[in-house]
Amino acid sequence: MALLNSGDRVTDTLVIDRLLGEGAFAEVHRVRHAYLGLQAMKLFKKVASLEETHQMLGEARLLSTLGHANIVRLFDANTVQTPEGLRGFFTMEYVPGGSLESLMAAYPHGVPTDIAVEVMGQIAGGLAVAHEQDPPIVHRDVTLANVLVGYDGSVMRVRVSDFGLAKRADPFTHMASARGTLVFMAPEVVTNGGYSCASDVWSVGTIAYLLLTGHFPYDDGAGPFASYSFARFNRPLLAPSRYNDEVDPRLDEIVMATLERDPRNRPANAGVLAAALRERREPAARPPDEHARRLAAEALRLYRVPGQLSRATELMEEAIALWPSLREQHLPRLRLWRRGVVM
C-alpha cells in the first residue's frame, strides 16, 4: 500500500494526483502544484532517522547542480508526514511520454534509426554535464527505465532521470563503487572494477545497440539474463549494421566504440561521445576552432536576450565540445547559465 494516496496534501500547494510506480526504496507519484501544474514526486519509503532522510535527499542535491535540457529538472525537496512517519521527497518535472521502455513498445518492428540516434545523442548531451563536474558525477544506472521521453510540440526531448545511484567520483581516481542494473553494466563493473564516466558511456552504447538492433550487445540469443556472465564478453560483437542496414559505417564505428571491453578504448566521457555524434550529423565546413568561436560568440550575444538563455547555453556547450581550448575561458560562465544565473 502506498504511503500517500490520491487527494493527500503534501504541502499547502502540492496534492497527490496518482501513483506512477514504485521500487524498493521509493514511490513516484504524479502531483498537482497549485500554480505550476503537474509534477512528479519521488517519495522515499524506508528511512530510520531524519539523518538518513537527509542522506537520501542527496539525489536532489546532485540534481540541483545539473541544469540541462536533457536532465530532468528539480523543483523542490522537503519532508512530509505519512502514516509510516516522516519521509523525504523531492519534486521534478513530469514527463508524460514515459520511458524508453514505452518508446520501444510503440515500435514493435524496431525503433527508426534516426530516432535511436537522436535518443543516443540527447542522453550523451545530458550526461556530459554530469561528467564534466569536478570531480565527475557518474550516474551508475543508465537504463531504458531511467531515460524519459517527452515532446516539446512535435520535437522529441529526452531527459536522463533517477540519479539515485549517482555519485561523485573519487577526485584522484575518478572512479566510483559499482552499482546499477546488471544488463547495462560494463565489463569492468561486473568484475567489481569500479565505475567511471566510460562505464556510463557503455550503458549509453547498450541502449543505442538495443534501439538500433533489437538485441543486447554480446547476447547469445538466449536473452541477456539467461547466461549473463563475464564470459559473454569474449564473444565477438556484431556491428549494428549486421541487423539494421540503415546504420551507416560512421554510426557503426561510434556505437562499437562505446562497447569496447577495455574502458580505455571507449570515449572517455559522454561529452566526447556527444561530440562524435554531432560531427557525424553535421560535419563542420569550417575548421573546428573557427566554427567553435562563432558558436561561442553567438552564445555570448544571446544570453542577455530575454528567453534565450537556454539556447545560449546549448551553443556554448557545443562550442566547448567542438574545441576544448575554450573550456578554461567559458566553462565558469556556462555553469552559471545552467543554473539560470546571468552575470
Protein backbone atom coordinates (compact mmCIF):
# COMPACT_ATOMS: atom_id res chain seq x y z
CA MET A 1 0.00 0.00 0.00
CA ALA A 2 1.31 3.45 -0.93
CA LEU A 3 2.46 5.85 1.77
CA LEU A 4 0.33 8.60 0.24
CA ASN A 5 -2.81 8.36 -1.87
CA SER A 6 -4.80 10.40 -4.35
CA GLY A 7 -6.03 13.62 -2.73
CA ASP A 8 -3.49 13.63 0.10
CA ARG A 9 -1.93 17.04 0.66
CA VAL A 10 1.85 17.18 0.71
CA THR A 11 2.25 20.94 1.22
CA ASP A 12 -0.01 23.96 1.03
CA THR A 13 0.43 23.97 -2.76
CA LEU A 14 1.07 20.29 -3.56
CA VAL A 15 -1.55 17.49 -3.73
CA ILE A 16 -1.13 13.81 -4.72
CA ASP A 17 -2.80 13.05 -8.06
CA ARG A 18 -1.94 9.38 -8.58
CA LEU A 19 0.78 6.77 -8.08
CA LEU A 20 3.01 6.32 -11.14
CA GLY A 21 5.14 3.45 -9.84
CA GLU A 22 7.37 2.25 -7.05
CA GLY A 23 10.57 0.38 -6.34
CA ALA A 24 12.34 -0.98 -3.31
CA PHE A 25 13.29 2.44 -1.97
CA ALA A 26 10.79 4.97 -3.26
CA GLU A 27 7.36 5.69 -4.69
CA VAL A 28 6.89 8.03 -7.63
CA HIS A 29 3.65 10.00 -7.68
CA ARG A 30 2.16 12.44 -10.09
CA VAL A 31 1.31 15.53 -8.06
CA ARG A 32 -0.53 18.74 -8.84
CA HIS A 33 1.01 22.06 -7.85
CA ALA A 34 -1.47 24.88 -7.26
CA TYR A 35 0.44 27.26 -9.54
CA LEU A 36 2.87 25.18 -11.61
CA GLY A 37 0.59 22.31 -12.70
CA LEU A 38 1.60 18.65 -12.90
CA GLN A 39 4.91 17.48 -11.46
CA ALA A 40 6.44 14.16 -10.46
CA MET A 41 7.32 13.46 -6.83
CA LYS A 42 9.78 10.87 -5.57
CA LEU A 43 8.85 9.80 -2.02
CA PHE A 44 11.30 7.67 -0.04
CA LYS A 45 9.70 4.62 1.56
CA LYS A 46 12.04 3.24 4.19
CA VAL A 47 14.07 5.51 6.44
CA ALA A 48 15.07 5.06 10.06
CA SER A 49 16.00 8.61 11.00
CA LEU A 50 15.95 12.23 9.91
CA GLU A 51 19.68 11.93 9.20
CA GLU A 52 19.03 9.04 6.81
CA THR A 53 16.31 11.08 5.12
CA HIS A 54 18.80 13.87 4.53
CA GLN A 55 21.24 11.35 3.05
CA MET A 56 18.59 10.05 0.65
CA LEU A 57 17.90 13.61 -0.47
CA GLY A 58 21.47 13.65 -1.75
CA GLU A 59 19.97 12.78 -5.16
CA ALA A 60 18.13 16.09 -5.06
CA ARG A 61 21.32 17.91 -4.13
CA LEU A 62 23.11 16.36 -7.11
CA LEU A 63 20.25 17.23 -9.46
CA SER A 64 20.26 20.83 -8.24
CA THR A 65 23.79 21.23 -9.63
CA LEU A 66 22.93 19.87 -13.09
CA GLY A 67 20.85 22.24 -15.16
CA HIS A 68 20.41 20.90 -18.70
CA ALA A 69 17.57 20.32 -21.15
CA ASN A 70 18.34 16.58 -21.19
CA ILE A 71 18.37 16.09 -17.42
CA VAL A 72 15.10 16.01 -15.52
CA ARG A 73 14.55 19.34 -13.72
CA LEU A 74 14.32 19.54 -9.94
CA PHE A 75 11.72 21.82 -8.32
CA ASP A 76 11.74 21.25 -4.56
CA ALA A 77 12.94 18.95 -1.77
CA ASN A 78 11.44 18.57 1.69
CA THR A 79 9.87 16.12 4.15
CA VAL A 80 6.23 15.12 4.61
CA GLN A 81 4.37 13.35 7.40
CA THR A 82 2.95 9.97 6.28
CA PRO A 83 1.11 7.20 8.18
CA GLU A 84 4.52 5.49 8.49
CA GLY A 85 6.27 8.59 9.82
CA LEU A 86 8.30 11.44 8.34
CA ARG A 87 9.57 10.78 4.83
CA GLY A 88 11.75 12.78 2.47
CA PHE A 89 10.58 13.74 -1.02
CA PHE A 90 11.55 15.86 -3.95
CA THR A 91 9.58 17.10 -6.92
CA MET A 92 10.73 17.22 -10.51
CA GLU A 93 9.27 17.78 -13.94
CA TYR A 94 6.58 15.37 -15.04
CA VAL A 95 7.30 13.77 -18.44
CA PRO A 96 4.05 12.29 -19.78
CA GLY A 97 5.67 10.33 -22.62
CA GLY A 98 7.09 7.68 -20.30
CA SER A 99 10.46 5.95 -20.52
CA LEU A 100 12.45 4.37 -23.34
CA GLU A 101 10.64 1.13 -22.50
CA SER A 102 7.43 2.81 -23.68
CA LEU A 103 9.19 4.11 -26.80
CA MET A 104 10.33 0.60 -27.73
CA ALA A 105 6.83 -0.76 -27.12
CA ALA A 106 5.47 1.87 -29.53
CA TYR A 107 7.69 0.45 -32.32
CA PRO A 108 7.19 -3.34 -32.21
CA HIS A 109 9.04 -3.73 -35.52
CA GLY A 110 12.03 -1.68 -34.42
CA VAL A 111 12.75 1.92 -33.44
CA PRO A 112 13.53 4.01 -36.54
CA THR A 113 17.26 4.63 -36.86
CA ASP A 114 17.01 8.42 -36.84
CA ILE A 115 15.03 8.31 -33.58
CA ALA A 116 17.51 5.88 -31.99
CA VAL A 117 20.42 8.16 -32.90
CA GLU A 118 18.59 11.23 -31.57
CA VAL A 119 17.95 9.44 -28.28
CA MET A 120 21.61 8.43 -28.01
CA GLY A 121 22.77 11.98 -28.68
CA GLN A 122 20.43 13.55 -26.15
CA ILE A 123 21.34 11.06 -23.42
CA ALA A 124 25.02 11.79 -24.06
CA GLY A 125 24.35 15.53 -24.00
CA GLY A 126 22.71 15.33 -20.59
CA LEU A 127 25.32 13.02 -19.07
CA ALA A 128 28.11 15.23 -20.40
CA VAL A 129 27.07 17.91 -17.89
CA ALA A 130 27.46 15.42 -15.02
CA HIS A 131 30.75 14.08 -16.34
CA GLU A 132 32.36 17.50 -16.63
CA GLN A 133 31.84 18.29 -12.94
CA ASP A 134 34.95 18.36 -10.78
CA PRO A 135 35.14 15.60 -9.69
CA PRO A 136 32.83 13.98 -12.24
CA ILE A 137 29.36 12.76 -11.30
CA VAL A 138 28.76 9.25 -12.65
CA HIS A 139 25.16 8.10 -12.99
CA ARG A 140 25.79 4.34 -12.50
CA ASP A 141 22.30 3.28 -13.61
CA VAL A 142 21.61 4.49 -17.16
CA THR A 143 18.85 2.13 -18.34
CA LEU A 144 15.75 2.15 -20.51
CA ALA A 145 13.60 2.82 -17.44
CA ASN A 146 15.71 5.78 -16.31
CA VAL A 147 15.54 7.72 -19.58
CA LEU A 148 12.30 9.65 -20.07
CA VAL A 149 10.92 10.69 -23.45
CA GLY A 150 8.77 13.79 -23.83
CA TYR A 151 7.95 16.25 -26.57
CA ASP A 152 8.24 20.00 -26.96
CA GLY A 153 5.48 20.40 -29.50
CA SER A 154 6.44 17.85 -32.15
CA VAL A 155 10.14 17.76 -31.17
CA MET A 156 11.31 14.88 -29.03
CA ARG A 157 13.22 15.76 -25.86
CA VAL A 158 14.89 13.06 -23.80
CA ARG A 159 15.64 13.51 -20.08
CA VAL A 160 18.01 11.40 -18.03
CA SER A 161 16.35 10.71 -14.68
CA ASP A 162 16.78 8.72 -11.47
CA PHE A 163 20.13 9.87 -10.18
CA GLY A 164 19.51 7.83 -7.04
CA LEU A 165 22.70 5.80 -7.58
CA ALA A 166 24.69 8.75 -8.95
CA LYS A 167 27.87 9.52 -7.09
CA ARG A 168 30.74 11.94 -7.29
CA ALA A 169 33.81 10.02 -8.38
CA ASP A 170 36.95 9.91 -6.28
CA PRO A 171 38.78 13.17 -7.05
CA PHE A 172 42.03 11.31 -7.69
CA THR A 173 40.98 8.12 -9.49
CA HIS A 174 37.70 9.45 -10.98
CA MET A 175 36.17 6.08 -10.06
CA ALA A 176 33.04 5.25 -8.03
CA SER A 177 31.83 2.00 -6.48
CA ALA A 178 29.89 -0.43 -8.65
CA ARG A 179 26.10 -0.26 -8.51
CA GLY A 180 23.33 -0.37 -11.10
CA THR A 181 21.33 -2.71 -13.31
CA LEU A 182 23.23 -5.82 -14.41
CA VAL A 183 22.32 -5.97 -18.08
CA PHE A 184 23.52 -2.39 -18.67
CA MET A 185 26.77 -2.81 -16.70
CA ALA A 186 30.16 -2.51 -18.36
CA PRO A 187 32.57 -5.47 -18.04
CA GLU A 188 34.78 -3.66 -15.52
CA VAL A 189 31.74 -3.01 -13.34
CA VAL A 190 30.65 -6.66 -13.46
CA THR A 191 34.09 -7.64 -12.13
CA ASN A 192 33.89 -5.00 -9.36
CA GLY A 193 36.49 -2.83 -11.03
CA GLY A 194 34.58 0.33 -10.18
CA TYR A 195 32.50 2.77 -12.17
CA SER A 196 33.80 5.63 -14.30
CA CYS A 197 32.48 8.03 -16.91
CA ALA A 198 33.47 5.43 -19.51
CA SER A 199 31.20 2.94 -17.73
CA ASP A 200 28.26 5.33 -18.19
CA VAL A 201 29.27 5.54 -21.87
CA TRP A 202 28.99 1.73 -22.08
CA SER A 203 25.43 1.95 -20.73
CA VAL A 204 24.53 4.57 -23.37
CA GLY A 205 26.03 2.29 -26.01
CA THR A 206 23.99 -0.64 -24.73
CA ILE A 207 20.81 1.41 -25.07
CA ALA A 208 21.79 2.55 -28.57
CA TYR A 209 22.62 -1.00 -29.69
CA LEU A 210 19.30 -2.28 -28.35
CA LEU A 211 17.31 0.50 -30.04
CA LEU A 212 19.13 0.02 -33.36
CA THR A 213 19.10 -3.79 -33.46
CA GLY A 214 16.51 -5.12 -31.02
CA HIS A 215 19.31 -7.11 -29.34
CA PHE A 216 21.50 -6.56 -26.30
CA PRO A 217 25.21 -6.42 -27.17
CA TYR A 218 27.13 -9.64 -26.60
CA ASP A 219 23.83 -11.50 -26.21
CA ASP A 220 23.94 -15.18 -27.23
CA GLY A 221 20.31 -15.22 -28.32
CA ALA A 222 19.04 -16.84 -25.14
CA GLY A 223 18.26 -13.45 -23.60
CA PRO A 224 20.50 -11.12 -21.62
CA PHE A 225 19.65 -12.62 -18.24
CA ALA A 226 19.73 -16.29 -19.28
CA SER A 227 23.51 -16.55 -19.47
CA TYR A 228 24.78 -13.31 -18.03
CA SER A 229 28.39 -13.79 -17.03
CA PHE A 230 31.69 -12.18 -17.82
CA ALA A 231 32.35 -14.92 -20.39
CA ARG A 232 29.71 -13.42 -22.66
CA PHE A 233 32.09 -10.52 -23.37
CA ASN A 234 34.52 -12.95 -25.00
CA ARG A 235 32.14 -13.36 -27.94
CA PRO A 236 32.76 -11.11 -30.94
CA LEU A 237 30.32 -8.21 -31.12
CA LEU A 238 28.41 -7.89 -34.37
CA ALA A 239 28.16 -4.34 -35.72
CA PRO A 240 24.66 -2.82 -35.57
CA SER A 241 24.58 -2.71 -39.38
CA ARG A 242 24.52 -6.52 -39.43
CA TYR A 243 20.99 -6.27 -38.03
CA ASN A 244 19.95 -2.90 -39.44
CA ASP A 245 21.01 -1.87 -42.94
CA GLU A 246 20.10 1.78 -42.22
CA VAL A 247 23.11 2.05 -39.89
CA ASP A 248 25.95 3.79 -41.72
CA PRO A 249 29.66 2.97 -41.23
CA ARG A 250 30.33 6.02 -39.03
CA LEU A 251 27.41 5.17 -36.74
CA ASP A 252 28.66 1.58 -36.57
CA GLU A 253 32.05 2.92 -35.53
CA ILE A 254 30.64 5.19 -32.81
CA VAL A 255 28.38 2.55 -31.25
CA MET A 256 31.06 -0.15 -31.38
CA ALA A 257 33.49 2.24 -29.66
CA THR A 258 31.09 2.69 -26.75
CA LEU A 259 31.05 -1.09 -26.28
CA GLU A 260 34.80 -1.70 -26.26
CA ARG A 261 35.52 -4.13 -23.46
CA ASP A 262 38.53 -2.12 -22.30
CA PRO A 263 37.23 1.23 -20.93
CA ARG A 264 40.44 2.93 -22.10
CA ASN A 265 39.35 2.31 -25.70
CA ARG A 266 35.89 3.88 -25.26
CA PRO A 267 35.00 7.57 -25.50
CA ALA A 268 36.36 8.84 -22.18
CA ASN A 269 33.11 10.51 -21.18
CA ALA A 270 29.69 11.44 -22.51
CA GLY A 271 30.94 14.79 -23.82
CA VAL A 272 33.33 13.03 -26.21
CA LEU A 273 30.52 10.74 -27.35
CA ALA A 274 28.13 13.65 -27.89
CA ALA A 275 30.75 15.49 -29.96
CA ALA A 276 31.30 12.41 -32.16
CA LEU A 277 27.57 12.14 -32.83
CA ARG A 278 27.34 15.83 -33.71
CA GLU A 279 30.30 15.53 -36.05
CA ARG A 280 28.64 12.59 -37.81
CA ARG A 281 25.43 14.56 -38.23
CA GLU A 282 26.88 17.92 -39.16
CA PRO A 283 30.45 17.76 -40.45
CA ALA A 284 31.88 21.24 -39.89
CA ALA A 285 32.62 23.05 -43.12
CA ARG A 286 34.87 25.48 -41.24
CA PRO A 287 37.92 24.50 -39.17
CA PRO A 288 36.81 23.38 -35.68
CA ASP A 289 38.38 26.38 -33.95
CA GLU A 290 36.69 28.91 -36.24
CA HIS A 291 33.30 27.21 -36.03
CA ALA A 292 33.60 26.91 -32.24
CA ARG A 293 34.48 30.60 -31.89
CA ARG A 294 31.44 31.56 -33.96
CA LEU A 295 29.19 29.41 -31.75
CA ALA A 296 30.66 30.93 -28.58
CA ALA A 297 30.24 34.45 -29.94
CA GLU A 298 26.59 33.75 -30.79
CA ALA A 299 26.05 32.34 -27.29
CA LEU A 300 27.53 35.49 -25.74
CA ARG A 301 25.20 37.58 -27.86
CA LEU A 302 22.09 35.60 -26.95
CA TYR A 303 22.48 35.04 -23.23
CA ARG A 304 21.30 38.57 -22.34
CA VAL A 305 18.32 38.37 -24.68
CA PRO A 306 15.15 37.58 -22.67
CA GLY A 307 14.10 33.97 -23.13
CA GLN A 308 17.30 32.96 -24.95
CA LEU A 309 19.47 31.74 -22.06
CA SER A 310 18.68 28.08 -22.79
CA ARG A 311 19.68 28.45 -26.45
CA ALA A 312 22.84 30.34 -25.47
CA THR A 313 23.74 27.51 -23.06
CA GLU A 314 23.31 24.90 -25.79
CA LEU A 315 25.52 26.85 -28.21
CA MET A 316 28.27 27.32 -25.63
CA GLU A 317 28.20 23.63 -24.74
CA GLU A 318 28.58 22.78 -28.41
CA ALA A 319 31.44 25.27 -28.81
CA ILE A 320 33.39 23.80 -25.89
CA ALA A 321 32.80 20.23 -27.05
CA LEU A 322 33.98 21.14 -30.55
CA TRP A 323 37.09 22.99 -29.40
CA PRO A 324 38.06 22.14 -25.77
CA SER A 325 40.53 25.05 -25.66
CA LEU A 326 37.51 27.28 -24.98
CA ARG A 327 36.78 25.43 -21.74
CA GLU A 328 39.05 27.50 -19.49
CA GLN A 329 37.62 30.77 -20.82
CA HIS A 330 33.92 29.92 -20.84
CA LEU A 331 33.21 26.96 -18.51
CA PRO A 332 32.65 29.06 -15.34
CA ARG A 333 30.14 31.21 -17.22
CA LEU A 334 28.45 28.12 -18.68
CA ARG A 335 27.96 26.60 -15.23
CA LEU A 336 26.17 29.75 -14.09
CA TRP A 337 23.95 29.76 -17.19
CA ARG A 338 22.88 26.18 -16.49
CA ARG A 339 21.56 27.36 -13.14
CA GLY A 340 19.74 30.29 -14.74
CA VAL A 341 22.23 32.87 -13.47
CA VAL A 342 23.13 35.76 -15.80
CA MET A 343 26.07 37.93 -14.89
